[in-house]
């Protein structure tokens, strides 16, 4: 009984090696014992594999006593080993899928987006990102038992995002952006933004320790809390509630305002979207960029954080400036190709 238990408890590598040895032994031995019946090693391999996995096809079969004894040996011992190998293989795939679903597989790929926190807003953000960039890769971090969103391009990491090890499991240094969503289960805005600040501080701590910049986007409940993030290097703030209130107020005064914003935020209207490009070498001023983009069919919305481009038309463009334009994806490719 003890021997049987130890046999069953062999690890996958041991069983794989033993299976290869048995297949090799059977293929070579039958070729040596009956060279006329099995003229090549491949014929021996074919017979061995069909003997181990099925009852054989009958196209090759041993004719000598020694060959038949080898066949009986493969029947008795080999079939059990191959069966155990198949079982272990299925178990390995099943275990990997379970661990992936539970968020216990370390992410090792690069150029992905990290979304921290799960809510309906997170789901909508993921789907909108895939609409705009179908090949995007997302790592979702949340302290849940299983992944709330199953998609081949979404990798789930289980754990507390304020702990460095959790962020490292998501390969934070290989990510393009880190997006921190406000906890929708917390009602109090102070506590909600306080939790967000704690997570942002953990991200900043890793960034400072490794001296590697991490582009961080944070959702907060109140604009007045932005000042509390001054010691944390947050690149972008998104207001969750105040933005909605202000948009409703603007739409109340100026009907149609919300439609314009939906156009900017949703590619399903006309296929256009907001893109960020660098300046063309031919563009010397804001005015040059504005006019040439307009001629091509693109709208220049802002340069860096400056929205009033016409007023600043005489300002010089720098190679590091970010130009925010609104256009279709096909037009963007033409513009960026010429810029190169």
C-alpha atoms as a PDB file:
ATOM      1  CA  UNK A   1       0.000   0.000   0.000  1.00  0.00           C
ATOM      2  CA  UNK A   2       2.815   2.377   0.880  1.00  0.00           C
ATOM      3  CA  UNK A   3       4.493   1.682  -2.472  1.00  0.00           C
ATOM      4  CA  UNK A   4       1.212   2.329  -4.296  1.00  0.00           C
ATOM      5  CA  UNK A   5       0.708   5.657  -2.520  1.00  0.00           C
ATOM      6  CA  UNK A   6       4.263   6.758  -3.324  1.00  0.00           C
ATOM      7  CA  UNK A   7       3.765   5.748  -6.945  1.00  0.00           C
ATOM      8  CA  UNK A   8       0.585   7.784  -7.273  1.00  0.00           C
ATOM      9  CA  UNK A   9       2.216  10.767  -5.559  1.00  0.00           C
ATOM     10  CA  UNK A  10       5.004  11.039  -8.168  1.00  0.00           C
ATOM     11  CA  UNK A  11       5.225  14.571  -9.450  1.00  0.00           C
ATOM     12  CA  UNK A  12       4.456  15.464 -13.032  1.00  0.00           C
ATOM     13  CA  UNK A  13       8.091  15.690 -14.155  1.00  0.00           C
ATOM     14  CA  UNK A  14       8.900  12.231 -12.778  1.00  0.00           C
ATOM     15  CA  UNK A  15       5.916  10.689 -14.557  1.00  0.00           C
ATOM     16  CA  UNK A  16       6.798  12.493 -17.796  1.00  0.00           C
ATOM     17  CA  UNK A  17      10.404  11.247 -17.667  1.00  0.00           C
ATOM     18  CA  UNK A  18       9.251   7.695 -16.875  1.00  0.00           C
ATOM     19  CA  UNK A  19       6.772   7.807 -19.776  1.00  0.00           C
ATOM     20  CA  UNK A  20       9.482   8.962 -22.194  1.00  0.00           C
ATOM     21  CA  UNK A  21      11.792   6.183 -20.980  1.00  0.00           C
ATOM     22  CA  UNK A  22       9.104   3.507 -21.458  1.00  0.00           C
ATOM     23  CA  UNK A  23       8.204   4.782 -24.950  1.00  0.00           C
ATOM     24  CA  UNK A  24      11.891   4.952 -25.920  1.00  0.00           C
ATOM     25  CA  UNK A  25      12.563   1.493 -24.445  1.00  0.00           C
ATOM     26  CA  UNK A  26       9.623  -0.056 -26.279  1.00  0.00           C
ATOM     27  CA  UNK A  27      10.451   1.614 -29.620  1.00  0.00           C
ATOM     28  CA  UNK A  28      14.149   0.694 -29.606  1.00  0.00           C
ATOM     29  CA  UNK A  29      13.745  -2.819 -28.158  1.00  0.00           C
ATOM     30  CA  UNK A  30      11.049  -3.978 -30.596  1.00  0.00           C
ATOM     31  CA  UNK A  31      13.150  -2.653 -33.489  1.00  0.00           C
ATOM     32  CA  UNK A  32      16.153  -4.672 -32.233  1.00  0.00           C
ATOM     33  CA  UNK A  33      14.137  -7.835 -31.501  1.00  0.00           C
ATOM     34  CA  UNK A  34      12.207  -7.876 -34.794  1.00  0.00           C
ATOM     35  CA  UNK A  35      14.035  -5.770 -37.415  1.00  0.00           C
ATOM     36  CA  UNK A  36      12.113  -7.377 -40.278  1.00  0.00           C
ATOM     37  CA  UNK A  37       8.680  -6.640 -38.766  1.00  0.00           C
ATOM     38  CA  UNK A  38       9.748  -3.194 -37.522  1.00  0.00           C
ATOM     39  CA  UNK A  39      12.388  -2.051 -40.038  1.00  0.00           C
ATOM     40  CA  UNK A  40      12.675   1.524 -38.693  1.00  0.00           C
ATOM     41  CA  UNK A  41      12.651   3.138 -35.271  1.00  0.00           C
ATOM     42  CA  UNK A  42       9.591   5.105 -36.325  1.00  0.00           C
ATOM     43  CA  UNK A  43       7.704   1.846 -36.929  1.00  0.00           C
ATOM     44  CA  UNK A  44       8.720   0.771 -33.429  1.00  0.00           C
ATOM     45  CA  UNK A  45       7.570   4.109 -32.032  1.00  0.00           C
ATOM     46  CA  UNK A  46       4.239   3.816 -33.847  1.00  0.00           C
ATOM     47  CA  UNK A  47       3.597   0.329 -32.477  1.00  0.00           C
ATOM     48  CA  UNK A  48       4.645   1.342 -28.944  1.00  0.00           C
ATOM     49  CA  UNK A  49       2.372   4.397 -28.905  1.00  0.00           C
ATOM     50  CA  UNK A  50      -0.638   2.510 -30.263  1.00  0.00           C
ATOM     51  CA  UNK A  51      -0.018  -0.280 -27.765  1.00  0.00           C
ATOM     52  CA  UNK A  52       0.189   2.119 -24.822  1.00  0.00           C
ATOM     53  CA  UNK A  53      -2.750   4.343 -25.759  1.00  0.00           C
ATOM     54  CA  UNK A  54      -5.088   1.934 -27.572  1.00  0.00           C
ATOM     55  CA  UNK A  55      -5.373  -1.794 -28.249  1.00  0.00           C
ATOM     56  CA  UNK A  56      -3.284  -1.354 -31.397  1.00  0.00           C
ATOM     57  CA  UNK A  57      -4.267  -1.027 -35.057  1.00  0.00           C
ATOM     58  CA  UNK A  58      -3.003  -4.413 -36.226  1.00  0.00           C
ATOM     59  CA  UNK A  59      -0.787  -3.007 -38.988  1.00  0.00           C
ATOM     60  CA  UNK A  60       2.290  -3.876 -36.911  1.00  0.00           C
ATOM     61  CA  UNK A  61       2.447  -6.676 -34.352  1.00  0.00           C
ATOM     62  CA  UNK A  62       5.266  -8.798 -32.868  1.00  0.00           C
ATOM     63  CA  UNK A  63       5.749 -12.321 -34.213  1.00  0.00           C
ATOM     64  CA  UNK A  64       8.439 -13.660 -31.876  1.00  0.00           C
ATOM     65  CA  UNK A  65       8.111 -14.747 -28.258  1.00  0.00           C
ATOM     66  CA  UNK A  66      10.466 -11.980 -27.140  1.00  0.00           C
ATOM     67  CA  UNK A  67       8.446  -9.368 -29.012  1.00  0.00           C
ATOM     68  CA  UNK A  68       5.190 -10.627 -27.550  1.00  0.00           C
ATOM     69  CA  UNK A  69       6.684 -10.551 -24.033  1.00  0.00           C
ATOM     70  CA  UNK A  70       7.658  -6.928 -24.627  1.00  0.00           C
ATOM     71  CA  UNK A  71       4.089  -6.224 -25.721  1.00  0.00           C
ATOM     72  CA  UNK A  72       2.739  -7.788 -22.510  1.00  0.00           C
ATOM     73  CA  UNK A  73       5.171  -5.696 -20.460  1.00  0.00           C
ATOM     74  CA  UNK A  74       3.908  -2.528 -22.156  1.00  0.00           C
ATOM     75  CA  UNK A  75       0.314  -3.631 -21.571  1.00  0.00           C
ATOM     76  CA  UNK A  76       0.851  -4.175 -17.851  1.00  0.00           C
ATOM     77  CA  UNK A  77       3.149  -1.296 -16.896  1.00  0.00           C
ATOM     78  CA  UNK A  78       3.110   1.180 -19.756  1.00  0.00           C
ATOM     79  CA  UNK A  79      -0.641   1.721 -19.989  1.00  0.00           C
ATOM     80  CA  UNK A  80      -0.773   2.638 -16.295  1.00  0.00           C
ATOM     81  CA  UNK A  81       2.082   5.125 -16.630  1.00  0.00           C
ATOM     82  CA  UNK A  82       0.576   6.806 -19.719  1.00  0.00           C
ATOM     83  CA  UNK A  83      -2.825   6.919 -18.051  1.00  0.00           C
ATOM     84  CA  UNK A  84      -1.276   8.575 -15.013  1.00  0.00           C
ATOM     85  CA  UNK A  85       0.530  11.066 -17.275  1.00  0.00           C
ATOM     86  CA  UNK A  86      -2.719  12.029 -19.010  1.00  0.00           C
ATOM     87  CA  UNK A  87      -4.444  12.374 -15.643  1.00  0.00           C
ATOM     88  CA  UNK A  88      -1.639  14.566 -14.278  1.00  0.00           C
ATOM     89  CA  UNK A  89      -1.722  16.719 -17.421  1.00  0.00           C
ATOM     90  CA  UNK A  90      -5.460  17.303 -17.082  1.00  0.00           C
ATOM     91  CA  UNK A  91      -5.013  18.055 -13.373  1.00  0.00           C
ATOM     92  CA  UNK A  92      -2.256  20.568 -14.162  1.00  0.00           C
ATOM     93  CA  UNK A  93      -4.448  22.476 -16.618  1.00  0.00           C
ATOM     94  CA  UNK A  94      -7.342  22.367 -14.168  1.00  0.00           C
ATOM     95  CA  UNK A  95      -5.135  23.613 -11.319  1.00  0.00           C
ATOM     96  CA  UNK A  96      -3.711  26.431 -13.446  1.00  0.00           C
ATOM     97  CA  UNK A  97      -7.206  27.557 -14.441  1.00  0.00           C
ATOM     98  CA  UNK A  98      -8.325  27.491 -10.802  1.00  0.00           C
ATOM     99  CA  UNK A  99      -5.295  29.459  -9.609  1.00  0.00           C
ATOM    100  CA  UNK A 100      -5.770  31.986 -12.420  1.00  0.00           C
ATOM    101  CA  UNK A 101      -9.436  32.382 -11.519  1.00  0.00           C
ATOM    102  CA  UNK A 102      -8.460  32.913  -7.882  1.00  0.00           C
ATOM    103  CA  UNK A 103      -5.874  35.533  -8.860  1.00  0.00           C
ATOM    104  CA  UNK A 104      -2.861  33.600  -7.581  1.00  0.00           C
ATOM    105  CA  UNK A 105      -0.812  33.560 -10.793  1.00  0.00           C
ATOM    106  CA  UNK A 106       1.907  36.228 -11.032  1.00  0.00           C
ATOM    107  CA  UNK A 107       1.613  38.379 -14.155  1.00  0.00           C
ATOM    108  CA  UNK A 108       4.868  38.534 -16.153  1.00  0.00           C
ATOM    109  CA  UNK A 109       3.862  40.285 -19.371  1.00  0.00           C
ATOM    110  CA  UNK A 110       4.506  43.961 -20.142  1.00  0.00           C
ATOM    111  CA  UNK A 111       2.733  46.994 -21.639  1.00  0.00           C
ATOM    112  CA  UNK A 112      -0.492  46.321 -19.774  1.00  0.00           C
ATOM    113  CA  UNK A 113      -2.927  48.508 -17.854  1.00  0.00           C
ATOM    114  CA  UNK A 114      -3.500  47.929 -14.148  1.00  0.00           C
ATOM    115  CA  UNK A 115      -7.013  48.561 -12.822  1.00  0.00           C
ATOM    116  CA  UNK A 116      -7.267  48.620  -9.031  1.00  0.00           C
ATOM    117  CA  UNK A 117     -10.713  48.180  -7.476  1.00  0.00           C
ATOM    118  CA  UNK A 118     -13.809  46.476  -8.851  1.00  0.00           C
ATOM    119  CA  UNK A 119     -17.191  48.081  -9.481  1.00  0.00           C
ATOM    120  CA  UNK A 120     -19.583  48.687 -12.360  1.00  0.00           C
ATOM    121  CA  UNK A 121     -17.393  51.646 -13.321  1.00  0.00           C
ATOM    122  CA  UNK A 122     -14.424  49.311 -13.628  1.00  0.00           C
ATOM    123  CA  UNK A 123     -16.414  46.957 -15.855  1.00  0.00           C
ATOM    124  CA  UNK A 124     -17.508  49.851 -18.077  1.00  0.00           C
ATOM    125  CA  UNK A 125     -13.929  51.160 -18.254  1.00  0.00           C
ATOM    126  CA  UNK A 126     -12.630  47.726 -19.308  1.00  0.00           C
ATOM    127  CA  UNK A 127     -15.252  47.366 -22.030  1.00  0.00           C
ATOM    128  CA  UNK A 128     -14.669  50.911 -23.284  1.00  0.00           C
ATOM    129  CA  UNK A 129     -10.913  50.278 -23.392  1.00  0.00           C
ATOM    130  CA  UNK A 130     -11.429  47.123 -25.438  1.00  0.00           C
ATOM    131  CA  UNK A 131     -13.733  49.039 -27.805  1.00  0.00           C
ATOM    132  CA  UNK A 132     -10.981  51.594 -28.415  1.00  0.00           C
ATOM    133  CA  UNK A 133      -8.027  49.191 -28.201  1.00  0.00           C
ATOM    134  CA  UNK A 134      -9.055  45.537 -28.818  1.00  0.00           C
ATOM    135  CA  UNK A 135      -5.528  44.233 -28.190  1.00  0.00           C
ATOM    136  CA  UNK A 136      -5.131  45.918 -24.804  1.00  0.00           C
ATOM    137  CA  UNK A 137      -4.013  43.834 -21.811  1.00  0.00           C
ATOM    138  CA  UNK A 138      -5.467  44.518 -18.375  1.00  0.00           C
ATOM    139  CA  UNK A 139      -4.469  43.338 -14.910  1.00  0.00           C
ATOM    140  CA  UNK A 140      -7.297  43.702 -12.396  1.00  0.00           C
ATOM    141  CA  UNK A 141      -6.404  43.904  -8.699  1.00  0.00           C
ATOM    142  CA  UNK A 142      -9.089  43.343  -6.073  1.00  0.00           C
ATOM    143  CA  UNK A 143      -9.405  41.528  -2.767  1.00  0.00           C
ATOM    144  CA  UNK A 144     -12.036  39.046  -3.994  1.00  0.00           C
ATOM    145  CA  UNK A 145     -12.081  35.245  -3.871  1.00  0.00           C
ATOM    146  CA  UNK A 146     -12.407  34.844  -7.654  1.00  0.00           C
ATOM    147  CA  UNK A 147     -12.112  37.035 -10.714  1.00  0.00           C
ATOM    148  CA  UNK A 148     -15.236  39.162 -11.268  1.00  0.00           C
ATOM    149  CA  UNK A 149     -14.504  39.557 -14.979  1.00  0.00           C
ATOM    150  CA  UNK A 150     -13.429  36.653 -17.171  1.00  0.00           C
ATOM    151  CA  UNK A 151     -11.731  37.622 -20.414  1.00  0.00           C
ATOM    152  CA  UNK A 152      -8.625  36.194 -22.123  1.00  0.00           C
ATOM    153  CA  UNK A 153      -6.964  39.630 -21.981  1.00  0.00           C
ATOM    154  CA  UNK A 154      -7.868  40.355 -18.354  1.00  0.00           C
ATOM    155  CA  UNK A 155      -5.590  38.861 -15.689  1.00  0.00           C
ATOM    156  CA  UNK A 156      -6.855  38.872 -12.109  1.00  0.00           C
ATOM    157  CA  UNK A 157      -4.583  39.411  -9.094  1.00  0.00           C
ATOM    158  CA  UNK A 158      -6.086  38.718  -5.673  1.00  0.00           C
ATOM    159  CA  UNK A 159      -4.868  40.766  -2.744  1.00  0.00           C
ATOM    160  CA  UNK A 160      -4.710  44.067  -0.929  1.00  0.00           C
ATOM    161  CA  UNK A 161      -3.528  46.716  -3.444  1.00  0.00           C
ATOM    162  CA  UNK A 162      -1.972  48.782  -0.658  1.00  0.00           C
ATOM    163  CA  UNK A 163       0.570  45.977  -0.085  1.00  0.00           C
ATOM    164  CA  UNK A 164       3.678  46.151  -2.247  1.00  0.00           C
ATOM    165  CA  UNK A 165       3.779  42.408  -2.964  1.00  0.00           C
ATOM    166  CA  UNK A 166       0.314  42.560  -4.536  1.00  0.00           C
ATOM    167  CA  UNK A 167       1.421  45.366  -6.850  1.00  0.00           C
ATOM    168  CA  UNK A 168       4.590  43.475  -7.747  1.00  0.00           C
ATOM    169  CA  UNK A 169       2.522  40.376  -8.602  1.00  0.00           C
ATOM    170  CA  UNK A 170       0.763  42.570 -11.174  1.00  0.00           C
ATOM    171  CA  UNK A 171       4.163  43.533 -12.634  1.00  0.00           C
ATOM    172  CA  UNK A 172       3.561  47.198 -11.898  1.00  0.00           C
ATOM    173  CA  UNK A 173       6.914  48.267 -13.356  1.00  0.00           C
ATOM    174  CA  UNK A 174       5.991  46.747 -16.716  1.00  0.00           C
ATOM    175  CA  UNK A 175       2.610  48.495 -16.873  1.00  0.00           C
ATOM    176  CA  UNK A 176       1.742  51.463 -19.075  1.00  0.00           C
ATOM    177  CA  UNK A 177      -0.727  52.995 -16.611  1.00  0.00           C
ATOM    178  CA  UNK A 178      -2.088  52.317 -13.139  1.00  0.00           C
ATOM    179  CA  UNK A 179      -5.732  53.289 -12.611  1.00  0.00           C
ATOM    180  CA  UNK A 180      -7.101  53.408  -9.060  1.00  0.00           C
ATOM    181  CA  UNK A 181     -10.896  53.341  -8.791  1.00  0.00           C
ATOM    182  CA  UNK A 182     -12.687  54.683  -5.737  1.00  0.00           C
ATOM    183  CA  UNK A 183     -14.249  52.007  -3.514  1.00  0.00           C
ATOM    184  CA  UNK A 184     -17.962  52.053  -4.373  1.00  0.00           C
ATOM    185  CA  UNK A 185     -18.852  50.172  -1.165  1.00  0.00           C
ATOM    186  CA  UNK A 186     -17.745  53.121   1.004  1.00  0.00           C
ATOM    187  CA  UNK A 187     -20.316  55.909   1.344  1.00  0.00           C
ATOM    188  CA  UNK A 188     -18.239  58.499   3.198  1.00  0.00           C
ATOM    189  CA  UNK A 189     -16.180  60.507   0.683  1.00  0.00           C
ATOM    190  CA  UNK A 190     -13.389  61.122   3.214  1.00  0.00           C
ATOM    191  CA  UNK A 191     -12.963  57.405   3.905  1.00  0.00           C
ATOM    192  CA  UNK A 192     -13.325  56.566   0.231  1.00  0.00           C
ATOM    193  CA  UNK A 193     -10.647  59.010  -0.911  1.00  0.00           C
ATOM    194  CA  UNK A 194      -8.527  58.077   2.111  1.00  0.00           C
ATOM    195  CA  UNK A 195      -8.385  54.473   0.905  1.00  0.00           C
ATOM    196  CA  UNK A 196      -7.503  55.677  -2.585  1.00  0.00           C
ATOM    197  CA  UNK A 197      -4.716  57.815  -1.119  1.00  0.00           C
ATOM    198  CA  UNK A 198      -3.338  54.784   0.758  1.00  0.00           C
ATOM    199  CA  UNK A 199      -3.142  52.758  -2.452  1.00  0.00           C
ATOM    200  CA  UNK A 200      -1.627  55.671  -4.387  1.00  0.00           C
ATOM    201  CA  UNK A 201       0.993  56.040  -1.646  1.00  0.00           C
ATOM    202  CA  UNK A 202       1.928  52.357  -2.017  1.00  0.00           C
ATOM    203  CA  UNK A 203       2.367  52.867  -5.767  1.00  0.00           C
ATOM    204  CA  UNK A 204       4.463  55.992  -5.174  1.00  0.00           C
ATOM    205  CA  UNK A 205       6.577  54.157  -2.596  1.00  0.00           C
ATOM    206  CA  UNK A 206       7.505  51.480  -5.137  1.00  0.00           C
ATOM    207  CA  UNK A 207       8.162  54.119  -7.782  1.00  0.00           C
ATOM    208  CA  UNK A 208      10.515  56.014  -5.464  1.00  0.00           C
ATOM    209  CA  UNK A 209      12.255  52.882  -4.212  1.00  0.00           C
ATOM    210  CA  UNK A 210      13.026  51.574  -7.710  1.00  0.00           C
ATOM    211  CA  UNK A 211      13.448  55.079  -9.188  1.00  0.00           C
ATOM    212  CA  UNK A 212      11.044  54.163 -11.980  1.00  0.00           C
ATOM    213  CA  UNK A 213       8.162  56.485 -12.937  1.00  0.00           C
ATOM    214  CA  UNK A 214       4.665  54.990 -12.787  1.00  0.00           C
ATOM    215  CA  UNK A 215       1.870  56.858 -14.559  1.00  0.00           C
ATOM    216  CA  UNK A 216      -1.010  56.878 -12.080  1.00  0.00           C
ATOM    217  CA  UNK A 217      -4.652  57.791 -12.666  1.00  0.00           C
ATOM    218  CA  UNK A 218      -6.842  58.239  -9.599  1.00  0.00           C
ATOM    219  CA  UNK A 219     -10.602  58.505  -9.161  1.00  0.00           C
ATOM    220  CA  UNK A 220     -11.615  60.729  -6.246  1.00  0.00           C
ATOM    221  CA  UNK A 221     -14.980  61.775  -4.833  1.00  0.00           C
ATOM    222  CA  UNK A 222     -14.292  65.437  -4.032  1.00  0.00           C
ATOM    223  CA  UNK A 223     -12.079  67.926  -5.835  1.00  0.00           C
ATOM    224  CA  UNK A 224     -11.080  69.503  -2.518  1.00  0.00           C
ATOM    225  CA  UNK A 225      -9.247  66.263  -1.638  1.00  0.00           C
ATOM    226  CA  UNK A 226      -6.748  66.685  -4.482  1.00  0.00           C
ATOM    227  CA  UNK A 227      -4.522  68.793  -2.228  1.00  0.00           C
ATOM    228  CA  UNK A 228      -4.141  65.790   0.084  1.00  0.00           C
ATOM    229  CA  UNK A 229      -2.457  63.911  -2.761  1.00  0.00           C
ATOM    230  CA  UNK A 230       0.270  66.560  -3.163  1.00  0.00           C
ATOM    231  CA  UNK A 231       2.999  64.290  -1.748  1.00  0.00           C
ATOM    232  CA  UNK A 232       1.956  61.488  -4.127  1.00  0.00           C
ATOM    233  CA  UNK A 233       2.949  61.708  -7.775  1.00  0.00           C
ATOM    234  CA  UNK A 234      -0.507  61.300  -9.336  1.00  0.00           C
ATOM    235  CA  UNK A 235      -0.614  62.189 -13.033  1.00  0.00           C
ATOM    236  CA  UNK A 236      -4.375  62.415 -13.564  1.00  0.00           C
ATOM    237  CA  UNK A 237      -7.412  62.914 -11.340  1.00  0.00           C
ATOM    238  CA  UNK A 238     -10.940  61.888 -12.315  1.00  0.00           C
ATOM    239  CA  UNK A 239     -13.836  63.275 -10.269  1.00  0.00           C
ATOM    240  CA  UNK A 240     -16.498  60.618  -9.799  1.00  0.00           C
ATOM    241  CA  UNK A 241     -19.498  62.556  -8.472  1.00  0.00           C
ATOM    242  CA  UNK A 242     -18.737  66.249  -8.894  1.00  0.00           C
ATOM    243  CA  UNK A 243     -18.113  65.791 -12.618  1.00  0.00           C
ATOM    244  CA  UNK A 244     -21.605  64.357 -13.052  1.00  0.00           C
ATOM    245  CA  UNK A 245     -23.189  67.152 -11.014  1.00  0.00           C
ATOM    246  CA  UNK A 246     -21.398  69.829 -13.006  1.00  0.00           C
ATOM    247  CA  UNK A 247     -22.289  68.205 -16.317  1.00  0.00           C
ATOM    248  CA  UNK A 248     -25.966  68.091 -15.360  1.00  0.00           C
ATOM    249  CA  UNK A 249     -25.813  71.756 -14.327  1.00  0.00           C
ATOM    250  CA  UNK A 250     -24.173  72.723 -17.644  1.00  0.00           C
ATOM    251  CA  UNK A 251     -26.723  70.698 -19.603  1.00  0.00           C
ATOM    252  CA  UNK A 252     -29.533  72.383 -17.679  1.00  0.00           C
ATOM    253  CA  UNK A 253     -28.244  75.792 -18.767  1.00  0.00           C
ATOM    254  CA  UNK A 254     -27.074  74.724 -22.224  1.00  0.00           C
ATOM    255  CA  UNK A 255     -29.022  71.733 -23.600  1.00  0.00           C
ATOM    256  CA  UNK A 256     -26.895  69.398 -25.697  1.00  0.00           C
ATOM    257  CA  UNK A 257     -23.750  69.765 -23.593  1.00  0.00           C
ATOM    258  CA  UNK A 258     -23.964  66.158 -22.388  1.00  0.00           C
ATOM    259  CA  UNK A 259     -24.210  64.924 -25.987  1.00  0.00           C
ATOM    260  CA  UNK A 260     -20.927  66.623 -26.831  1.00  0.00           C
ATOM    261  CA  UNK A 261     -19.214  64.960 -23.881  1.00  0.00           C
ATOM    262  CA  UNK A 262     -20.648  61.573 -24.857  1.00  0.00           C
ATOM    263  CA  UNK A 263     -19.171  62.061 -28.320  1.00  0.00           C
ATOM    264  CA  UNK A 264     -15.766  62.662 -26.784  1.00  0.00           C
ATOM    265  CA  UNK A 265     -15.986  59.672 -24.454  1.00  0.00           C
ATOM    266  CA  UNK A 266     -17.613  57.108 -26.742  1.00  0.00           C
ATOM    267  CA  UNK A 267     -16.299  55.894 -30.106  1.00  0.00           C
ATOM    268  CA  UNK A 268     -19.658  54.359 -31.040  1.00  0.00           C
ATOM    269  CA  UNK A 269     -21.065  57.691 -32.256  1.00  0.00           C
ATOM    270  CA  UNK A 270     -18.917  58.277 -35.345  1.00  0.00           C
ATOM    271  CA  UNK A 271     -15.781  56.206 -34.793  1.00  0.00           C
ATOM    272  CA  UNK A 272     -13.762  59.197 -33.610  1.00  0.00           C
ATOM    273  CA  UNK A 273     -11.867  59.372 -30.365  1.00  0.00           C
ATOM    274  CA  UNK A 274      -9.479  61.560 -28.391  1.00  0.00           C
ATOM    275  CA  UNK A 275      -5.833  60.794 -29.134  1.00  0.00           C
ATOM    276  CA  UNK A 276      -2.502  62.142 -27.922  1.00  0.00           C
ATOM    277  CA  UNK A 277       0.268  62.849 -30.422  1.00  0.00           C
ATOM    278  CA  UNK A 278       3.605  64.618 -30.462  1.00  0.00           C
ATOM    279  CA  UNK A 279       4.262  67.746 -32.561  1.00  0.00           C
ATOM    280  CA  UNK A 280       5.302  67.508 -36.190  1.00  0.00           C
ATOM    281  CA  UNK A 281       8.719  68.961 -36.964  1.00  0.00           C
ATOM    282  CA  UNK A 282       7.070  71.367 -39.398  1.00  0.00           C
ATOM    283  CA  UNK A 283       4.876  72.877 -36.679  1.00  0.00           C
ATOM    284  CA  UNK A 284       6.613  75.789 -35.022  1.00  0.00           C
ATOM    285  CA  UNK A 285       3.705  77.357 -33.124  1.00  0.00           C
ATOM    286  CA  UNK A 286       0.333  76.362 -31.689  1.00  0.00           C
ATOM    287  CA  UNK A 287      -1.278  78.020 -34.697  1.00  0.00           C
ATOM    288  CA  UNK A 288       0.704  75.884 -37.155  1.00  0.00           C
ATOM    289  CA  UNK A 289      -0.446  72.711 -35.428  1.00  0.00           C
ATOM    290  CA  UNK A 290      -4.062  73.871 -35.203  1.00  0.00           C
ATOM    291  CA  UNK A 291      -4.349  74.886 -38.874  1.00  0.00           C
ATOM    292  CA  UNK A 292      -2.553  71.881 -40.357  1.00  0.00           C
ATOM    293  CA  UNK A 293      -4.522  69.414 -38.244  1.00  0.00           C
ATOM    294  CA  UNK A 294      -7.742  71.182 -39.206  1.00  0.00           C
ATOM    295  CA  UNK A 295      -6.841  70.871 -42.901  1.00  0.00           C
ATOM    296  CA  UNK A 296      -6.333  67.132 -42.439  1.00  0.00           C
ATOM    297  CA  UNK A 297      -9.722  66.740 -40.730  1.00  0.00           C
ATOM    298  CA  UNK A 298      -8.625  66.546 -37.091  1.00  0.00           C
ATOM    299  CA  UNK A 299      -9.598  68.885 -34.264  1.00  0.00           C
ATOM    300  CA  UNK A 300      -6.903  70.119 -31.893  1.00  0.00           C
ATOM    301  CA  UNK A 301      -8.537  70.195 -28.456  1.00  0.00           C
ATOM    302  CA  UNK A 302      -5.610  71.095 -26.226  1.00  0.00           C
ATOM    303  CA  UNK A 303      -1.844  71.251 -25.925  1.00  0.00           C
ATOM    304  CA  UNK A 304      -0.616  69.868 -22.626  1.00  0.00           C
ATOM    305  CA  UNK A 305      -3.142  71.373 -20.170  1.00  0.00           C
ATOM    306  CA  UNK A 306      -3.880  74.455 -22.292  1.00  0.00           C
ATOM    307  CA  UNK A 307      -7.403  74.379 -23.725  1.00  0.00           C
ATOM    308  CA  UNK A 308      -7.442  77.919 -25.139  1.00  0.00           C
ATOM    309  CA  UNK A 309      -5.220  77.165 -28.122  1.00  0.00           C
ATOM    310  CA  UNK A 310      -6.412  80.107 -30.324  1.00  0.00           C
ATOM    311  CA  UNK A 311      -5.501  82.601 -27.602  1.00  0.00           C
ATOM    312  CA  UNK A 312      -2.021  81.070 -27.319  1.00  0.00           C
ATOM    313  CA  UNK A 313      -1.521  80.650 -31.063  1.00  0.00           C
ATOM    314  CA  UNK A 314       1.843  82.435 -31.049  1.00  0.00           C
ATOM    315  CA  UNK A 315       3.323  80.122 -28.410  1.00  0.00           C
ATOM    316  CA  UNK A 316       6.231  77.971 -29.542  1.00  0.00           C
ATOM    317  CA  UNK A 317       5.855  74.206 -29.677  1.00  0.00           C
ATOM    318  CA  UNK A 318       8.343  72.000 -27.862  1.00  0.00           C
ATOM    319  CA  UNK A 319       9.247  68.462 -28.859  1.00  0.00           C
ATOM    320  CA  UNK A 320       7.930  67.211 -25.504  1.00  0.00           C
ATOM    321  CA  UNK A 321       4.473  68.814 -25.859  1.00  0.00           C
ATOM    322  CA  UNK A 322       1.388  66.576 -25.874  1.00  0.00           C
ATOM    323  CA  UNK A 323      -1.284  67.463 -28.422  1.00  0.00           C
ATOM    324  CA  UNK A 324      -4.804  66.202 -27.743  1.00  0.00           C
ATOM    325  CA  UNK A 325      -6.733  65.751 -30.966  1.00  0.00           C
ATOM    326  CA  UNK A 326     -10.157  64.407 -31.906  1.00  0.00           C
ATOM    327  CA  UNK A 327     -10.302  62.283 -35.051  1.00  0.00           C
ATOM    328  CA  UNK A 328     -10.912  58.821 -36.461  1.00  0.00           C
ATOM    329  CA  UNK A 329      -8.406  56.009 -35.990  1.00  0.00           C
ATOM    330  CA  UNK A 330      -7.623  55.822 -39.720  1.00  0.00           C
ATOM    331  CA  UNK A 331      -6.847  59.544 -39.850  1.00  0.00           C
ATOM    332  CA  UNK A 332      -4.666  59.283 -36.749  1.00  0.00           C
ATOM    333  CA  UNK A 333      -2.448  56.706 -38.480  1.00  0.00           C
ATOM    334  CA  UNK A 334      -1.946  59.047 -41.442  1.00  0.00           C
ATOM    335  CA  UNK A 335      -1.100  61.992 -39.184  1.00  0.00           C
ATOM    336  CA  UNK A 336       1.369  60.086 -37.012  1.00  0.00           C
ATOM    337  CA  UNK A 337       2.964  58.419 -40.044  1.00  0.00           C
ATOM    338  CA  UNK A 338       3.692  61.793 -41.614  1.00  0.00           C
ATOM    339  CA  UNK A 339       4.933  63.115 -38.286  1.00  0.00           C
ATOM    340  CA  UNK A 340       7.599  60.411 -38.249  1.00  0.00           C
END
